[in-house]
Amino acid sequence: MWIKICGLSTPETVDVAVEAGTDAVGFVFAPGSPRAVTAETAAALVARVPAGVETVGVFRNQSADEVVRLARDGGVGVVQLHGDETPEVFDEVRAAGFSVIRALGAARWSSEPQDHASAFGETRLLLDAPDPGAGSTFDEAVLGGSTPPAGWILAGGLTPANVARLVATLEPAGVDVSSGVESSRGVKSPALIREFIRAARAARDAGADRSV
């Protein structure tokens, strides 16, 4: 179970996420987000992250040039595109040397023609609720019977209380949380970060036990 704690903006929450065992930390560069950080702030936070923990920059409807510039200045290793970016933007970001996560609503993904969905060439696919970052819960019915590709990441309304149930039901390879570990909008709670990681790891272990 790959776990990403997203929307981090302080040294304390980065340290807590790493110490609790997260696999990735995310920094938001999308304008207008209450979790947005500057490239300078991101670089200082990335410097605290040990090898083996992925650092992800999250972008939304920004040009390829801006994405690459901010990702480089912020020092992140992975780019997450969470908007209406074209396959050409994905190509340019990959050509700059970044792994790319394609993030979109599950309903939108399930309604895409297969040839369109495969045109992005993402490293990983993240399926989200309709309003990213708002804490709205992922509706399992929106997949409409479609099976996401191996390695997909679940996001949208995840909390320490519901992550185990959703992992058991949907069987994603990873989970991504932001608002579900906040004490108020944009403010991360160290206690909730720890609780979420414990719950996600327990869900992974329970799944492993069922497969034996």
Protein backbone atom coordinates (compact mmCIF):
# COMPACT_ATOMS: atom_id res chain seq x y z
CA MET A 1 0.00 0.00 0.00
CA TRP A 2 1.65 3.18 -1.27
CA ILE A 3 0.71 6.19 0.88
CA LYS A 4 1.00 9.87 0.00
CA ILE A 5 0.32 12.73 2.40
CA CYS A 6 -0.38 15.76 0.23
CA GLY A 7 -0.63 19.50 0.71
CA LEU A 8 2.16 19.75 3.27
CA SER A 9 3.54 23.20 4.01
CA THR A 10 5.44 23.11 7.31
CA PRO A 11 8.59 21.39 8.57
CA GLU A 12 6.67 19.77 11.44
CA THR A 13 4.10 18.04 9.24
CA VAL A 14 6.73 16.87 6.76
CA ASP A 15 8.74 15.38 9.62
CA VAL A 16 5.67 13.71 11.13
CA ALA A 17 4.63 12.17 7.81
CA VAL A 18 8.13 10.81 7.19
CA GLU A 19 8.52 9.47 10.73
CA ALA A 20 5.09 7.80 10.55
CA GLY A 21 6.12 5.92 7.43
CA THR A 22 4.61 7.67 4.44
CA ASP A 23 5.88 6.66 0.99
CA ALA A 24 5.46 10.12 -0.53
CA VAL A 25 4.86 13.72 0.45
CA GLY A 26 3.10 16.23 -1.77
CA PHE A 27 3.50 19.97 -2.21
CA VAL A 28 0.85 22.02 -3.99
CA PHE A 29 1.95 24.58 -6.58
CA ALA A 30 -1.55 25.19 -8.00
CA PRO A 31 -2.52 28.89 -7.76
CA GLY A 32 -5.44 29.64 -5.49
CA SER A 33 -5.16 26.53 -3.34
CA PRO A 34 -5.16 27.10 0.43
CA ARG A 35 -2.30 24.60 0.51
CA ALA A 36 -0.15 26.28 -2.15
CA VAL A 37 3.54 26.81 -1.41
CA THR A 38 6.26 28.69 -3.23
CA ALA A 39 9.12 26.89 -4.92
CA GLU A 40 11.44 28.30 -2.24
CA THR A 41 9.32 26.87 0.58
CA ALA A 42 9.00 23.54 -1.20
CA ALA A 43 12.76 23.31 -1.69
CA ALA A 44 13.35 23.83 2.04
CA LEU A 45 10.78 21.15 2.88
CA VAL A 46 12.10 18.71 0.27
CA ALA A 47 15.54 19.05 1.84
CA ARG A 48 14.10 17.46 5.01
CA VAL A 49 12.86 14.36 3.16
CA PRO A 50 15.15 11.32 3.25
CA ALA A 51 16.01 9.18 0.26
CA GLY A 52 13.35 6.56 -0.33
CA VAL A 53 10.43 8.91 0.25
CA GLU A 54 9.05 10.41 -2.95
CA THR A 55 8.51 14.14 -3.28
CA VAL A 56 5.59 15.19 -5.47
CA GLY A 57 4.68 18.59 -6.87
CA VAL A 58 0.97 19.07 -7.60
CA PHE A 59 -0.09 21.32 -10.47
CA ARG A 60 -3.42 22.25 -12.03
CA ASN A 61 -3.91 23.75 -15.51
CA GLN A 62 -0.47 25.36 -15.67
CA SER A 63 1.75 25.47 -18.74
CA ALA A 64 4.39 22.81 -19.23
CA ASP A 65 7.10 25.48 -18.94
CA GLU A 66 5.74 26.69 -15.59
CA VAL A 67 5.34 23.14 -14.27
CA VAL A 68 8.91 22.19 -15.18
CA ARG A 69 10.36 25.43 -13.80
CA LEU A 70 8.56 25.19 -10.46
CA ALA A 71 9.22 21.45 -10.11
CA ARG A 72 12.94 22.02 -10.67
CA ASP A 73 13.11 25.05 -8.38
CA GLY A 74 11.14 23.19 -5.71
CA GLY A 75 13.35 20.13 -5.98
CA VAL A 76 10.53 17.58 -6.32
CA GLY A 77 11.11 14.29 -8.10
CA VAL A 78 7.57 13.60 -9.33
CA VAL A 79 4.97 15.83 -10.98
CA GLN A 80 1.22 15.35 -10.44
CA LEU A 81 -1.01 16.98 -13.05
CA HIS A 82 -4.46 17.49 -11.63
CA GLY A 83 -6.35 19.48 -14.24
CA ASP A 84 -7.25 19.48 -17.92
CA GLU A 85 -3.69 19.11 -19.21
CA THR A 86 -3.29 17.72 -22.71
CA PRO A 87 -1.16 14.69 -23.61
CA GLU A 88 1.36 17.17 -25.04
CA VAL A 89 1.89 18.72 -21.60
CA PHE A 90 2.52 15.25 -20.17
CA ASP A 91 5.05 14.61 -22.94
CA GLU A 92 6.94 17.83 -22.18
CA VAL A 93 7.04 17.17 -18.44
CA ARG A 94 8.29 13.62 -18.97
CA ALA A 95 10.88 14.85 -21.46
CA ALA A 96 12.19 17.15 -18.71
CA GLY A 97 12.95 14.06 -16.63
CA PHE A 98 9.97 13.80 -14.28
CA SER A 99 7.75 10.84 -13.51
CA VAL A 100 4.14 11.97 -13.91
CA ILE A 101 0.99 11.14 -11.98
CA ARG A 102 -2.21 11.83 -13.88
CA ALA A 103 -4.97 12.84 -11.45
CA LEU A 104 -8.63 13.23 -12.40
CA GLY A 105 -12.12 12.45 -11.21
CA ALA A 106 -13.08 8.80 -11.33
CA ALA A 107 -16.30 9.54 -13.23
CA ARG A 108 -14.41 11.44 -15.90
CA TRP A 109 -11.83 8.67 -16.24
CA SER A 110 -14.45 5.92 -16.53
CA SER A 111 -16.23 7.80 -19.33
CA GLU A 112 -13.10 8.40 -21.43
CA PRO A 113 -12.58 6.40 -24.63
CA GLN A 114 -9.74 3.94 -24.12
CA ASP A 115 -7.57 5.45 -26.85
CA HIS A 116 -7.85 8.89 -25.20
CA ALA A 117 -7.10 7.57 -21.70
CA SER A 118 -3.99 5.79 -22.94
CA ALA A 119 -2.60 8.88 -24.70
CA PHE A 120 -1.20 10.47 -21.54
CA GLY A 121 1.50 7.92 -20.76
CA GLU A 122 1.44 8.63 -17.04
CA THR A 123 3.59 6.71 -14.60
CA ARG A 124 0.65 6.35 -12.22
CA LEU A 125 -3.08 7.09 -12.39
CA LEU A 126 -4.83 8.81 -9.46
CA LEU A 127 -8.62 8.72 -9.31
CA ASP A 128 -10.25 11.41 -7.24
CA ALA A 129 -13.63 12.73 -6.17
CA PRO A 130 -15.24 15.40 -8.39
CA ASP A 131 -13.94 18.35 -6.32
CA PRO A 132 -10.24 17.70 -5.51
CA GLY A 133 -9.09 18.94 -2.12
CA ALA A 134 -12.59 19.69 -0.87
CA GLY A 135 -12.91 16.57 1.26
CA SER A 136 -15.78 15.13 -0.78
CA THR A 137 -15.98 11.37 -0.57
CA PHE A 138 -15.08 9.12 -3.48
CA ASP A 139 -18.30 7.53 -4.78
CA GLU A 140 -17.54 3.90 -5.54
CA ALA A 141 -20.43 3.74 -8.05
CA VAL A 142 -18.83 6.24 -10.43
CA LEU A 143 -16.43 3.62 -11.71
CA GLY A 144 -19.43 2.03 -13.37
CA GLY A 145 -17.85 -1.38 -13.38
CA SER A 146 -14.64 -0.12 -15.00
CA THR A 147 -11.43 -1.59 -13.62
CA PRO A 148 -8.59 0.93 -13.12
CA PRO A 149 -5.13 -0.15 -14.27
CA ALA A 150 -2.73 -1.89 -11.94
CA GLY A 151 -0.94 0.52 -9.65
CA TRP A 152 -3.77 3.08 -9.46
CA ILE A 153 -4.07 5.48 -6.50
CA LEU A 154 -7.30 6.26 -4.63
CA ALA A 155 -8.02 9.82 -3.44
CA GLY A 156 -11.03 11.89 -2.50
CA GLY A 157 -12.55 12.22 0.96
CA LEU A 158 -10.22 9.70 2.59
CA THR A 159 -9.90 9.89 6.37
CA PRO A 160 -8.42 7.71 9.11
CA ALA A 161 -11.97 6.43 9.72
CA ASN A 162 -12.85 5.32 6.18
CA VAL A 163 -9.58 4.45 4.45
CA ALA A 164 -9.59 0.79 5.53
CA ARG A 165 -13.13 0.22 4.21
CA LEU A 166 -12.45 1.90 0.87
CA VAL A 167 -9.16 0.05 0.40
CA ALA A 168 -10.89 -3.26 1.09
CA THR A 169 -13.72 -2.42 -1.34
CA LEU A 170 -11.78 -0.88 -4.23
CA GLU A 171 -8.35 -2.52 -3.83
CA PRO A 172 -6.17 0.37 -5.01
CA ALA A 173 -2.40 0.07 -4.99
CA GLY A 174 -2.08 3.37 -3.16
CA VAL A 175 -3.94 6.12 -1.32
CA ASP A 176 -3.53 9.90 -1.32
CA VAL A 177 -4.91 12.16 1.40
CA SER A 178 -4.94 15.90 2.01
CA SER A 179 -8.06 17.41 3.59
CA GLY A 180 -8.75 14.21 5.53
CA VAL A 181 -5.75 14.87 7.78
CA GLU A 182 -6.50 18.55 8.45
CA SER A 183 -7.74 20.24 11.61
CA SER A 184 -9.05 23.12 9.46
CA ARG A 185 -8.93 23.85 5.76
CA GLY A 186 -5.30 23.89 4.67
CA VAL A 187 -3.92 23.17 8.18
CA LYS A 188 -2.51 19.67 8.66
CA SER A 189 -2.92 17.80 11.94
CA PRO A 190 0.11 15.75 13.03
CA ALA A 191 -2.17 13.42 15.00
CA LEU A 192 -4.44 12.77 12.00
CA ILE A 193 -1.43 12.17 9.73
CA ARG A 194 -0.22 9.47 12.12
CA GLU A 195 -3.70 7.95 12.43
CA PHE A 196 -4.21 7.86 8.67
CA ILE A 197 -0.91 6.13 7.99
CA ARG A 198 -1.61 3.56 10.71
CA ALA A 199 -5.07 2.86 9.27
CA ALA A 200 -3.80 2.55 5.70
CA ARG A 201 -1.01 0.19 6.75
CA ALA A 202 -3.50 -1.91 8.72
CA ALA A 203 -5.73 -2.14 5.64
CA ARG A 204 -2.75 -3.33 3.61
CA ASP A 205 -1.87 -5.96 6.19
CA ALA A 206 -5.48 -7.15 6.40
CA GLY A 207 -5.53 -7.55 2.63
CA ALA A 208 -2.35 -9.58 2.74
CA ASP A 209 -3.86 -11.85 5.41
CA ARG A 210 -6.97 -12.46 3.26
CA SER A 211 -4.83 -13.47 0.30
CA VAL A 212 -2.99 -16.20 2.22
